[in-house]
């Protein structure tokens, strides 16, 4: 039997450069976590004056960016933290996760800066003049609606773009962001020699050269042909001139980007043979970290964004949701639904209605009845992605609603709910939307199980509501930050593929021993009462009706 074991005493380091923080997880050769660290941008790098890791531009509706240098300084600080508790010379491979869609614009001549870093100086001091624009558009940005429509029109419509690239035109996707930069700041675009996404940007720092964009994260750009896994000429031409040379080549997610740069060998004592495996997006890394490998399973990440994902071998891209190549399977795909109003919106309702306390929030959720007496709410603190609705709050009471039928049910819009009802309306509303959209996309209903991750997956009361609405068992993983865990696992996987000289199925690394690793999941909540699940299905139908009317009236499409 072939040996898929990892070198004894070796370590595998995974980063997650997300919206609000940089996290790191270190796995040993048995795939158990031996160290983890976290760095919050707002509190630990306060001189950038970000809120939730971003700048919201008050003068430009929907423009949201992050300072590029902040991500560089965070990497340096994180490695300082890790080097105090860990012998980094034992790290055999590094990989990482980057918030998807965010983009970085390297100024002409910056390749020289990357390749000649001085280990005596902090990273951040050496990149002050490396970027043609110092602000990176991020996934929360919704200022590119016009560019989305232009790109869709150029390829024959929204559905054609989705069939080609895996998604219709989305404001946060990198292609429309690049087109907007080209149209509004042509001088900046002309002065750009390389465009990175956050994942390839961070990998570039580590190898001291421009790293390729990996095929999975490239699917979040509206620029790659998802079946051929090459840049789509027709979309590149519709986006901006000379774009392919600025993007560079694509690489599979399991490929090696390069060896770690001398800077990190001298400054932090990495081994000079340490491999840097292609970084990928945060959601693909979560999929890896959750060991999602059965098409009947769903994963739901409850974080700064809420994300529902499943896997398939035969994707059918639609007008909503996304199809990406599976980062740990060279032939398969992952399906993804993304919601912008997630943890920050839950925190907003907690602060307004629950005395800024999760205990009070949970108490309200427990003391209100399922179905909330017919009270239903739509809460959009930010422009929503799915459905495409602007900022706003919409509350309804479903008169005569008992859960068996919608006959005789009338919805009446109201201005406010009492605090406990507001809390339940928010949580039920978020999960009913997820279930409705997932079913519409053809994801399994009910799923065989749901694996929950992200910050809110530690909240048992919220998970109980999820189980009631979906009607299946909910599992959680040992650590809610599955993206950095997935990145560490992918570092080990990339090392193994490199050693074997070809792709190795990732499950070979943990087959028959998953329960003994940090990748194992445990049952958190059992399936909800099936009668109640059926009643929620009726409520979900009504919710989608109201949602469709809101989109017709207010939608950004």
Protein backbone atom coordinates (compact mmCIF):
# COMPACT_ATOMS: atom_id res chain seq x y z
CA UNK A 1 0.00 0.00 0.00
CA UNK A 2 1.36 3.40 -0.96
CA UNK A 3 2.70 5.55 1.87
CA UNK A 4 1.00 8.94 2.23
CA UNK A 5 2.51 9.82 5.59
CA UNK A 6 4.21 13.16 6.17
CA UNK A 7 7.81 13.52 7.43
CA UNK A 8 8.01 13.00 11.20
CA UNK A 9 8.50 16.23 13.20
CA UNK A 10 7.52 18.35 10.18
CA UNK A 11 5.09 21.26 10.57
CA UNK A 12 2.62 22.73 8.09
CA UNK A 13 1.62 26.38 8.39
CA UNK A 14 -1.67 27.80 7.13
CA UNK A 15 -2.64 31.48 7.11
CA UNK A 16 -6.02 33.13 6.64
CA UNK A 17 -5.83 36.77 5.53
CA UNK A 18 -9.48 37.68 6.03
CA UNK A 19 -11.44 40.94 6.15
CA UNK A 20 -10.93 41.68 9.84
CA UNK A 21 -7.91 39.63 10.86
CA UNK A 22 -4.93 37.47 9.99
CA UNK A 23 -5.03 33.98 11.50
CA UNK A 24 -2.47 31.19 11.50
CA UNK A 25 -2.84 27.46 12.22
CA UNK A 26 0.04 24.99 12.45
CA UNK A 27 -0.45 21.24 11.93
CA UNK A 28 2.01 18.48 12.80
CA UNK A 29 2.68 15.41 10.65
CA UNK A 30 -0.36 13.66 12.23
CA UNK A 31 -2.61 16.58 11.17
CA UNK A 32 -3.13 17.78 14.72
CA UNK A 33 -3.05 21.49 15.61
CA UNK A 34 0.09 22.41 17.57
CA UNK A 35 -0.22 26.20 17.44
CA UNK A 36 -2.60 28.94 16.37
CA UNK A 37 -2.48 32.72 16.47
CA UNK A 38 -4.77 35.58 15.54
CA UNK A 39 -4.19 39.26 14.84
CA UNK A 40 -7.11 41.71 14.66
CA UNK A 41 -6.51 44.57 12.23
CA UNK A 42 -8.59 47.25 13.99
CA UNK A 43 -7.13 46.74 17.47
CA UNK A 44 -3.55 45.60 16.73
CA UNK A 45 -2.90 47.89 13.75
CA UNK A 46 -4.94 50.93 14.88
CA UNK A 47 -2.82 53.42 12.90
CA UNK A 48 -4.62 52.32 9.71
CA UNK A 49 -7.88 53.55 11.28
CA UNK A 50 -9.99 50.78 9.73
CA UNK A 51 -13.39 49.71 11.04
CA UNK A 52 -14.01 45.98 10.65
CA UNK A 53 -10.79 45.90 8.60
CA UNK A 54 -12.08 48.25 5.88
CA UNK A 55 -12.70 51.85 4.85
CA UNK A 56 -16.27 52.64 3.82
CA UNK A 57 -16.21 55.57 1.42
CA UNK A 58 -19.04 57.93 2.47
CA UNK A 59 -18.90 59.86 -0.82
CA UNK A 60 -19.18 56.88 -3.17
CA UNK A 61 -22.18 54.62 -2.72
CA UNK A 62 -20.97 51.09 -2.04
CA UNK A 63 -17.20 51.65 -2.36
CA UNK A 64 -15.36 49.63 0.32
CA UNK A 65 -11.57 49.14 0.37
CA UNK A 66 -8.71 48.09 2.66
CA UNK A 67 -5.20 49.56 2.94
CA UNK A 68 -2.87 47.12 1.14
CA UNK A 69 0.08 47.88 3.45
CA UNK A 70 -1.96 46.74 6.47
CA UNK A 71 -1.99 43.17 5.16
CA UNK A 72 1.81 43.28 4.73
CA UNK A 73 2.41 44.62 8.24
CA UNK A 74 0.06 41.99 9.65
CA UNK A 75 2.13 39.19 8.05
CA UNK A 76 5.34 40.51 9.63
CA UNK A 77 3.69 40.82 13.07
CA UNK A 78 2.15 37.35 12.80
CA UNK A 79 5.50 35.76 12.00
CA UNK A 80 7.03 37.57 14.99
CA UNK A 81 4.27 36.09 17.19
CA UNK A 82 4.73 32.59 15.80
CA UNK A 83 8.53 32.65 16.04
CA UNK A 84 8.32 33.22 19.82
CA UNK A 85 6.53 29.92 20.42
CA UNK A 86 7.54 27.83 17.42
CA UNK A 87 10.69 26.64 15.67
CA UNK A 88 9.85 27.86 12.16
CA UNK A 89 12.78 25.89 10.71
CA UNK A 90 10.60 22.77 11.11
CA UNK A 91 7.92 24.17 8.77
CA UNK A 92 8.04 21.98 5.65
CA UNK A 93 5.35 23.86 3.69
CA UNK A 94 3.21 26.98 3.97
CA UNK A 95 -0.06 27.83 2.28
CA UNK A 96 -2.84 30.28 2.90
CA UNK A 97 -6.31 31.59 2.43
CA UNK A 98 -7.20 35.08 1.28
CA UNK A 99 -10.53 36.87 1.41
CA UNK A 100 -11.93 36.28 -2.05
CA UNK A 101 -12.23 38.89 -4.83
CA UNK A 102 -10.03 41.58 -3.21
CA UNK A 103 -7.37 42.91 -5.60
CA UNK A 104 -3.88 44.44 -5.35
CA UNK A 105 -2.26 46.60 -8.05
CA UNK A 106 1.55 46.34 -8.28
CA UNK A 107 3.28 49.36 -9.78
CA UNK A 108 5.71 48.95 -12.70
CA UNK A 109 9.10 47.92 -11.29
CA UNK A 110 7.74 46.28 -8.15
CA UNK A 111 9.02 42.83 -9.09
CA UNK A 112 12.48 44.19 -8.22
CA UNK A 113 11.29 45.28 -4.77
CA UNK A 114 9.83 41.80 -4.16
CA UNK A 115 13.03 40.01 -5.15
CA UNK A 116 15.46 42.16 -3.14
CA UNK A 117 13.97 42.41 0.35
CA UNK A 118 16.31 43.41 3.19
CA UNK A 119 15.89 41.02 6.16
CA UNK A 120 17.09 43.71 8.57
CA UNK A 121 14.00 45.84 7.83
CA UNK A 122 10.30 45.14 8.51
CA UNK A 123 8.33 44.16 5.41
CA UNK A 124 6.00 47.15 5.55
CA UNK A 125 8.91 49.63 5.32
CA UNK A 126 9.95 48.19 1.96
CA UNK A 127 6.64 48.32 0.07
CA UNK A 128 5.66 51.98 0.49
CA UNK A 129 6.16 52.66 -3.23
CA UNK A 130 5.19 49.25 -4.63
CA UNK A 131 1.54 49.84 -5.54
CA UNK A 132 -0.12 51.93 -8.22
CA UNK A 133 -3.02 52.43 -5.79
CA UNK A 134 -2.60 51.94 -2.04
CA UNK A 135 -6.20 50.84 -1.47
CA UNK A 136 -7.50 47.41 -2.39
CA UNK A 137 -11.19 46.96 -3.30
CA UNK A 138 -12.59 44.11 -1.18
CA UNK A 139 -15.52 41.69 -1.36
CA UNK A 140 -17.86 44.10 0.49
CA UNK A 141 -17.61 46.67 -2.33
CA UNK A 142 -20.78 47.10 -4.39
CA UNK A 143 -19.83 50.12 -6.53
CA UNK A 144 -19.41 48.34 -9.89
CA UNK A 145 -22.96 47.59 -11.04
CA UNK A 146 -22.44 49.42 -14.36
CA UNK A 147 -19.26 47.44 -15.10
CA UNK A 148 -21.04 44.14 -14.32
CA UNK A 149 -23.75 44.95 -16.86
CA UNK A 150 -21.17 45.97 -19.50
CA UNK A 151 -19.23 42.71 -19.15
CA UNK A 152 -22.44 40.64 -19.19
CA UNK A 153 -23.65 42.42 -22.32
CA UNK A 154 -20.33 41.80 -24.09
CA UNK A 155 -20.62 38.01 -23.70
CA UNK A 156 -24.33 37.70 -24.49
CA UNK A 157 -26.00 38.25 -21.13
CA UNK A 158 -25.81 37.37 -17.44
CA UNK A 159 -26.57 33.67 -17.89
CA UNK A 160 -23.91 33.31 -20.61
CA UNK A 161 -21.32 34.92 -18.32
CA UNK A 162 -22.36 32.52 -15.56
CA UNK A 163 -22.09 29.46 -17.83
CA UNK A 164 -18.64 30.62 -18.93
CA UNK A 165 -17.10 31.84 -15.65
CA UNK A 166 -19.29 30.17 -12.98
CA UNK A 167 -21.07 33.38 -11.92
CA UNK A 168 -23.03 36.22 -13.46
CA UNK A 169 -21.45 39.67 -13.05
CA UNK A 170 -21.10 40.44 -9.34
CA UNK A 171 -20.01 43.82 -8.02
CA UNK A 172 -17.44 42.37 -5.63
CA UNK A 173 -15.80 40.15 -8.27
CA UNK A 174 -12.34 41.21 -9.40
CA UNK A 175 -13.11 41.60 -13.13
CA UNK A 176 -15.71 44.37 -12.69
CA UNK A 177 -13.40 46.02 -10.11
CA UNK A 178 -10.53 46.02 -12.62
CA UNK A 179 -12.82 47.46 -15.32
CA UNK A 180 -13.90 50.26 -12.99
CA UNK A 181 -10.26 51.08 -12.18
CA UNK A 182 -9.39 51.13 -15.91
CA UNK A 183 -12.35 53.43 -16.67
CA UNK A 184 -12.02 55.85 -13.74
CA UNK A 185 -8.23 55.83 -13.16
CA UNK A 186 -6.63 54.89 -16.50
CA UNK A 187 -3.24 56.26 -15.37
CA UNK A 188 -3.23 53.90 -12.39
CA UNK A 189 -4.19 50.97 -14.63
CA UNK A 190 -1.43 51.79 -17.15
CA UNK A 191 1.13 52.02 -14.33
CA UNK A 192 0.18 48.55 -13.06
CA UNK A 193 2.45 45.67 -14.07
CA UNK A 194 0.70 42.90 -12.12
CA UNK A 195 -2.74 42.47 -10.60
CA UNK A 196 -2.97 40.00 -7.71
CA UNK A 197 -5.93 38.77 -5.74
CA UNK A 198 -5.42 38.71 -1.94
CA UNK A 199 -4.37 35.04 -1.99
CA UNK A 200 -1.76 35.40 -4.74
CA UNK A 201 -0.61 38.72 -3.24
CA UNK A 202 0.23 37.10 0.11
CA UNK A 203 1.92 34.16 -1.65
CA UNK A 204 3.99 36.67 -3.68
CA UNK A 205 5.33 38.20 -0.46
CA UNK A 206 6.40 34.76 0.77
CA UNK A 207 8.22 33.67 -2.43
CA UNK A 208 9.71 37.09 -3.24
CA UNK A 209 8.23 37.05 -6.76
CA UNK A 210 4.83 37.29 -8.41
CA UNK A 211 2.84 34.16 -7.55
CA UNK A 212 0.24 32.76 -9.94
CA UNK A 213 -3.46 33.12 -9.18
CA UNK A 214 -4.82 29.65 -8.45
CA UNK A 215 -7.66 28.26 -10.56
CA UNK A 216 -10.16 28.13 -7.70
CA UNK A 217 -9.73 31.73 -6.57
CA UNK A 218 -9.65 32.85 -10.22
CA UNK A 219 -13.25 31.65 -10.50
CA UNK A 220 -14.14 34.54 -8.17
CA UNK A 221 -13.05 37.10 -10.76
CA UNK A 222 -15.59 36.71 -13.63
CA UNK A 223 -12.54 36.21 -15.87
CA UNK A 224 -11.78 32.46 -16.08
CA UNK A 225 -13.40 29.77 -18.20
CA UNK A 226 -14.33 27.32 -15.42
CA UNK A 227 -14.41 24.22 -17.61
CA UNK A 228 -11.12 24.84 -19.43
CA UNK A 229 -9.52 26.53 -16.37
CA UNK A 230 -7.87 29.19 -18.53
CA UNK A 231 -8.43 32.94 -18.80
CA UNK A 232 -11.41 33.61 -21.08
CA UNK A 233 -10.29 35.79 -23.99
CA UNK A 234 -13.79 37.19 -24.62
CA UNK A 235 -14.21 38.31 -20.99
CA UNK A 236 -10.67 39.71 -20.73
CA UNK A 237 -11.32 41.84 -23.83
CA UNK A 238 -14.62 43.05 -22.37
CA UNK A 239 -12.90 44.04 -19.11
CA UNK A 240 -9.73 46.00 -19.89
CA UNK A 241 -6.89 46.11 -22.47
CA UNK A 242 -3.67 44.09 -22.05
CA UNK A 243 -5.22 42.37 -19.06
CA UNK A 244 -3.83 38.87 -19.52
CA UNK A 245 -0.21 40.03 -19.18
CA UNK A 246 -1.12 41.88 -15.96
CA UNK A 247 -2.80 38.77 -14.51
CA UNK A 248 -0.03 36.27 -15.29
CA UNK A 249 -0.52 32.53 -15.52
CA UNK A 250 -2.99 30.34 -13.62
CA UNK A 251 -1.95 27.38 -11.44
CA UNK A 252 -3.81 24.47 -9.82
CA UNK A 253 -4.48 24.95 -6.10
CA UNK A 254 -2.23 22.00 -5.15
CA UNK A 255 0.80 23.32 -7.07
CA UNK A 256 3.94 24.74 -5.46
CA UNK A 257 4.27 28.51 -5.97
CA UNK A 258 7.98 28.43 -5.05
CA UNK A 259 10.39 28.09 -2.13
CA UNK A 260 10.19 30.59 0.69
CA UNK A 261 12.16 33.81 0.00
CA UNK A 262 15.61 34.36 1.62
CA UNK A 263 14.09 37.27 3.60
CA UNK A 264 12.04 34.83 5.71
CA UNK A 265 14.93 32.37 6.03
CA UNK A 266 17.19 35.06 7.51
CA UNK A 267 14.64 37.06 9.49
CA UNK A 268 12.46 34.23 10.90
CA UNK A 269 14.74 31.17 10.44
CA UNK A 270 12.57 29.23 8.01
CA UNK A 271 14.32 26.34 6.25
CA UNK A 272 15.43 27.47 2.78
CA UNK A 273 13.70 24.39 1.29
CA UNK A 274 10.32 25.27 2.83
CA UNK A 275 7.69 25.11 0.07
CA UNK A 276 5.05 27.77 -0.47
CA UNK A 277 1.98 26.01 -1.86
CA UNK A 278 -0.46 28.10 -3.93
CA UNK A 279 -2.72 30.16 -1.72
CA UNK A 280 -6.45 30.10 -2.51
CA UNK A 281 -9.65 31.85 -1.41
CA UNK A 282 -11.12 31.65 2.08
CA UNK A 283 -14.21 29.68 1.09
CA UNK A 284 -12.26 27.06 -0.90
CA UNK A 285 -9.88 26.67 2.04
CA UNK A 286 -12.84 26.22 4.39
CA UNK A 287 -14.13 23.48 2.10
CA UNK A 288 -10.74 21.75 2.45
CA UNK A 289 -10.60 22.26 6.22
CA UNK A 290 -14.10 20.83 6.67
CA UNK A 291 -13.12 17.73 4.63
CA UNK A 292 -16.32 18.18 2.61
CA UNK A 293 -16.27 15.24 0.18
CA UNK A 294 -19.86 13.91 -0.11
CA UNK A 295 -22.36 15.59 -2.42
CA UNK A 296 -25.16 15.08 0.14
CA UNK A 297 -23.36 17.23 2.73
CA UNK A 298 -23.59 21.00 3.03
CA UNK A 299 -21.20 23.32 4.82
CA UNK A 300 -22.37 26.64 6.22
CA UNK A 301 -19.84 29.21 7.32
CA UNK A 302 -21.26 31.82 9.71
CA UNK A 303 -18.77 34.68 9.69
CA UNK A 304 -18.23 38.21 8.36
CA UNK A 305 -20.06 36.82 5.36
CA UNK A 306 -22.37 33.80 5.61
CA UNK A 307 -21.62 31.15 3.01
CA UNK A 308 -23.37 27.94 2.01
CA UNK A 309 -21.36 25.44 0.00
CA UNK A 310 -21.62 21.96 -1.43
CA UNK A 311 -19.75 19.90 -4.03
CA UNK A 312 -20.65 18.42 -7.40
CA UNK A 313 -19.03 16.80 -10.44
CA UNK A 314 -21.55 18.25 -12.87
CA UNK A 315 -22.20 21.93 -12.18
CA UNK A 316 -24.98 23.94 -13.79
CA UNK A 317 -24.16 27.64 -13.29
CA UNK A 318 -27.23 29.83 -12.79
CA UNK A 319 -28.14 33.46 -12.31
CA UNK A 320 -27.55 33.24 -8.56
CA UNK A 321 -24.78 31.55 -6.63
CA UNK A 322 -21.33 30.56 -7.82
CA UNK A 323 -19.49 27.57 -9.26
CA UNK A 324 -15.73 27.24 -8.53
CA UNK A 325 -13.26 24.45 -9.26
CA UNK A 326 -12.87 22.28 -6.15
CA UNK A 327 -9.48 23.24 -4.61
CA UNK A 328 -8.70 19.67 -3.52
CA UNK A 329 -10.11 17.74 -6.49
CA UNK A 330 -8.73 18.38 -9.98
CA UNK A 331 -11.99 17.34 -11.70
CA UNK A 332 -14.75 18.42 -9.28
CA UNK A 333 -16.45 21.72 -8.47
CA UNK A 334 -17.79 23.55 -5.44
CA UNK A 335 -21.09 25.44 -5.38
CA UNK A 336 -21.36 28.53 -3.23
CA UNK A 337 -24.02 30.98 -2.07
CA UNK A 338 -22.78 34.12 -0.30
CA UNK A 339 -24.57 36.58 1.99
CA UNK A 340 -23.00 39.91 2.92
CA UNK A 341 -25.34 40.62 5.86
CA UNK A 342 -23.98 38.11 8.31
CA UNK A 343 -22.13 38.43 11.63
CA UNK A 344 -21.96 42.24 11.54
CA UNK A 345 -25.74 42.39 11.00
CA UNK A 346 -26.30 39.89 13.85
CA UNK A 347 -24.07 42.05 16.06
CA UNK A 348 -26.04 45.15 15.05
CA UNK A 349 -29.35 43.56 16.15
CA UNK A 350 -27.69 42.26 19.32
CA UNK A 351 -26.49 45.80 20.14
CA UNK A 352 -29.86 47.42 19.37
CA UNK A 353 -32.18 44.85 20.92
CA UNK A 354 -30.26 42.57 23.29
CA UNK A 355 -28.29 44.94 25.54
CA UNK A 356 -25.11 44.24 23.49
CA UNK A 357 -25.05 40.77 25.03
CA UNK A 358 -25.01 37.38 23.29
CA UNK A 359 -26.51 35.85 26.46
CA UNK A 360 -29.53 38.16 26.16
CA UNK A 361 -29.66 37.54 22.37
CA UNK A 362 -29.73 33.75 22.99
CA UNK A 363 -32.33 34.10 25.75
CA UNK A 364 -34.62 36.02 23.38
CA UNK A 365 -34.11 33.35 20.70
CA UNK A 366 -35.03 30.62 23.20
CA UNK A 367 -38.09 32.35 24.65
CA UNK A 368 -39.73 33.19 21.30
CA UNK A 369 -41.66 30.38 19.57
CA UNK A 370 -40.43 28.86 16.28
CA UNK A 371 -42.07 30.63 13.28
CA UNK A 372 -42.11 33.78 15.48
CA UNK A 373 -45.91 34.09 15.45
CA UNK A 374 -45.70 34.89 11.73
CA UNK A 375 -43.26 37.78 12.18
CA UNK A 376 -40.71 37.90 9.35
CA UNK A 377 -37.88 40.34 8.70
CA UNK A 378 -35.32 41.25 6.04
CA UNK A 379 -32.24 42.96 7.49
CA UNK A 380 -29.74 44.57 5.13
CA UNK A 381 -27.19 46.69 6.98
CA UNK A 382 -25.03 46.52 3.83
CA UNK A 383 -26.00 46.15 0.15
CA UNK A 384 -26.91 42.46 -0.06
CA UNK A 385 -25.46 40.06 -2.64
CA UNK A 386 -28.22 37.43 -2.52
CA UNK A 387 -30.84 38.78 -3.10
CA UNK A 388 -29.39 41.91 -4.79
CA UNK A 389 -31.07 44.45 -2.49
CA UNK A 390 -29.89 47.83 -1.17
CA UNK A 391 -29.47 48.80 2.48
CA UNK A 392 -32.83 48.66 4.28
CA UNK A 393 -34.99 46.84 6.82
CA UNK A 394 -38.36 45.28 5.95
CA UNK A 395 -40.64 43.71 8.59
CA UNK A 396 -43.89 41.83 8.00
CA UNK A 397 -46.53 40.07 10.06
CA UNK A 398 -48.11 37.10 8.29
CA UNK A 399 -51.75 37.27 9.40
CA UNK A 400 -53.56 33.91 9.81
CA UNK A 401 -50.27 32.01 9.38
CA UNK A 402 -50.36 28.59 11.10
CA UNK A 403 -47.69 26.83 9.02
CA UNK A 404 -49.88 24.35 7.11
CA UNK A 405 -50.75 26.47 4.08
CA UNK A 406 -50.48 29.97 2.63
CA UNK A 407 -54.23 30.06 1.82
CA UNK A 408 -55.79 33.04 3.55
CA UNK A 409 -52.41 34.38 4.72
CA UNK A 410 -51.90 38.13 4.29
CA UNK A 411 -48.64 39.94 4.98
CA UNK A 412 -48.78 43.35 6.62
CA UNK A 413 -45.65 45.53 6.65
CA UNK A 414 -44.83 47.04 10.06
CA UNK A 415 -42.23 49.51 11.31
CA UNK A 416 -40.81 47.51 14.22
CA UNK A 417 -40.97 44.34 16.32
CA UNK A 418 -40.46 43.93 20.04
CA UNK A 419 -36.77 43.06 20.81
CA UNK A 420 -37.21 39.26 21.26
CA UNK A 421 -39.21 39.00 18.01
CA UNK A 422 -36.60 41.12 16.21
CA UNK A 423 -33.84 38.69 17.24
CA UNK A 424 -35.78 35.63 16.05
CA UNK A 425 -36.92 37.37 12.84
CA UNK A 426 -33.28 38.08 11.97
CA UNK A 427 -31.94 34.55 12.62
CA UNK A 428 -34.89 32.70 11.09
CA UNK A 429 -34.85 35.06 8.11
CA UNK A 430 -31.18 34.48 7.38
CA UNK A 431 -31.53 30.68 7.52
CA UNK A 432 -34.83 30.58 5.57
CA UNK A 433 -33.14 32.57 2.79
CA UNK A 434 -30.21 30.14 2.76
CA UNK A 435 -32.49 27.11 2.58
CA UNK A 436 -34.67 28.64 -0.15
CA UNK A 437 -31.76 29.70 -2.34
CA UNK A 438 -29.91 26.40 -1.82
CA UNK A 439 -32.98 24.40 -2.91
CA UNK A 440 -33.41 26.68 -5.91
CA UNK A 441 -29.81 25.94 -6.92
CA UNK A 442 -30.39 22.20 -6.69
CA UNK A 443 -28.39 21.57 -3.52
CA UNK A 444 -29.68 18.60 -1.45
CA UNK A 445 -32.81 19.18 0.64
CA UNK A 446 -32.70 18.12 3.34
CA UNK A 447 -28.93 17.62 3.31
CA UNK A 448 -27.47 14.42 4.77
CA UNK A 449 -25.87 16.71 7.34
CA UNK A 450 -24.61 20.28 7.71
CA UNK A 451 -21.08 21.06 8.88
CA UNK A 452 -21.14 24.51 10.50
CA UNK A 453 -18.08 26.69 10.88
CA UNK A 454 -17.23 30.36 11.44
CA UNK A 455 -17.61 32.41 14.62
CA UNK A 456 -21.36 31.91 15.12
CA UNK A 457 -21.01 28.10 14.84
CA UNK A 458 -19.91 28.21 18.49
CA UNK A 459 -23.41 29.48 19.41
CA UNK A 460 -25.57 26.45 20.23
CA UNK A 461 -28.82 28.47 20.24
CA UNK A 462 -28.23 29.73 16.69
CA UNK A 463 -27.34 26.17 15.56
CA UNK A 464 -30.59 24.82 17.07
CA UNK A 465 -32.51 27.27 14.90
CA UNK A 466 -30.50 26.11 11.87
CA UNK A 467 -31.37 22.44 12.61
CA UNK A 468 -35.08 23.32 12.96
CA UNK A 469 -35.18 25.05 9.59
CA UNK A 470 -33.08 22.57 7.58
CA UNK A 471 -34.29 19.38 9.28
CA UNK A 472 -30.90 17.66 9.50
CA UNK A 473 -28.14 17.04 12.02
CA UNK A 474 -25.63 19.85 12.49
CA UNK A 475 -21.96 19.04 13.02
CA UNK A 476 -19.22 21.42 14.11
CA UNK A 477 -15.48 21.22 13.75
CA UNK A 478 -12.96 21.60 16.56
CA UNK A 479 -12.04 25.08 15.44
CA UNK A 480 -14.38 27.67 13.94
CA UNK A 481 -11.57 29.15 11.76
CA UNK A 482 -11.70 26.40 9.14
CA UNK A 483 -10.00 28.58 6.49
CA UNK A 484 -6.57 28.69 8.18
CA UNK A 485 -6.93 25.02 9.14
CA UNK A 486 -7.77 24.19 5.52
CA UNK A 487 -4.75 26.21 4.38
CA UNK A 488 -2.44 24.22 6.70
CA UNK A 489 -3.96 20.98 5.39
CA UNK A 490 -3.48 22.19 1.81
CA UNK A 491 0.16 23.03 2.62
CA UNK A 492 0.65 19.37 3.61
CA UNK A 493 -1.32 18.21 0.56
CA UNK A 494 0.72 20.39 -1.82
CA UNK A 495 3.92 19.05 -0.27
CA UNK A 496 2.72 15.47 -0.77
CA UNK A 497 1.68 16.10 -4.41
CA UNK A 498 5.10 17.68 -5.04
CA UNK A 499 6.91 14.74 -3.44
CA UNK A 500 4.88 12.18 -5.44
CA UNK A 501 5.27 14.18 -8.65
CA UNK A 502 1.52 14.23 -9.39
CA UNK A 503 -1.85 14.99 -7.85
CA UNK A 504 -2.81 12.84 -4.84
CA UNK A 505 -6.44 12.75 -3.58
CA UNK A 506 -6.41 14.75 -0.35
CA UNK A 507 -8.48 12.14 1.49
CA UNK A 508 -5.52 9.72 1.22
CA UNK A 509 -3.81 11.84 3.88
CA UNK A 510 -6.42 11.21 6.55
CA UNK A 511 -8.23 8.09 5.35
CA UNK A 512 -9.12 5.80 8.31
CA UNK A 513 -7.68 8.22 10.86
CA UNK A 514 -9.85 11.33 10.56
CA UNK A 515 -11.14 11.01 14.16
CA UNK A 516 -7.56 11.15 15.44
CA UNK A 517 -6.85 14.47 13.72
CA UNK A 518 -7.85 18.09 14.29
CA UNK A 519 -10.04 17.79 11.18
CA UNK A 520 -12.70 15.66 12.90
CA UNK A 521 -16.22 17.00 13.40
CA UNK A 522 -18.74 16.26 16.16
CA UNK A 523 -22.52 16.21 16.33
CA UNK A 524 -23.66 19.55 17.81
CA UNK A 525 -27.46 19.53 17.31
CA UNK A 526 -29.78 16.78 16.11
CA UNK A 527 -32.31 17.29 13.31
CA UNK A 528 -35.32 19.44 14.13
CA UNK A 529 -38.88 18.17 14.51
CA UNK A 530 -40.04 17.16 11.01
CA UNK A 531 -43.50 18.75 11.40
CA UNK A 532 -41.80 22.03 12.23
CA UNK A 533 -39.43 21.61 9.27
CA UNK A 534 -42.52 21.32 6.99
CA UNK A 535 -44.01 24.48 8.49
CA UNK A 536 -40.75 26.31 7.89
CA UNK A 537 -40.94 25.14 4.24
CA UNK A 538 -44.29 26.95 3.92
CA UNK A 539 -42.85 30.06 5.58
CA UNK A 540 -39.82 29.88 3.28
CA UNK A 541 -42.10 29.87 0.23
CA UNK A 542 -43.76 33.07 1.49
CA UNK A 543 -40.40 34.63 2.24
CA UNK A 544 -39.17 34.01 -1.30
CA UNK A 545 -42.39 35.52 -2.69
CA UNK A 546 -41.86 38.71 -0.67
CA UNK A 547 -38.14 38.72 -1.52
CA UNK A 548 -38.90 38.52 -5.27
CA UNK A 549 -41.26 41.49 -4.95
CA UNK A 550 -38.62 43.48 -3.07
CA UNK A 551 -36.08 42.72 -5.81
CA UNK A 552 -38.55 43.84 -8.51
CA UNK A 553 -39.20 47.06 -6.62
CA UNK A 554 -35.76 47.90 -5.18
CA UNK A 555 -33.21 45.49 -6.68
CA UNK A 556 -29.93 46.65 -8.17
CA UNK A 557 -30.33 44.49 -11.29
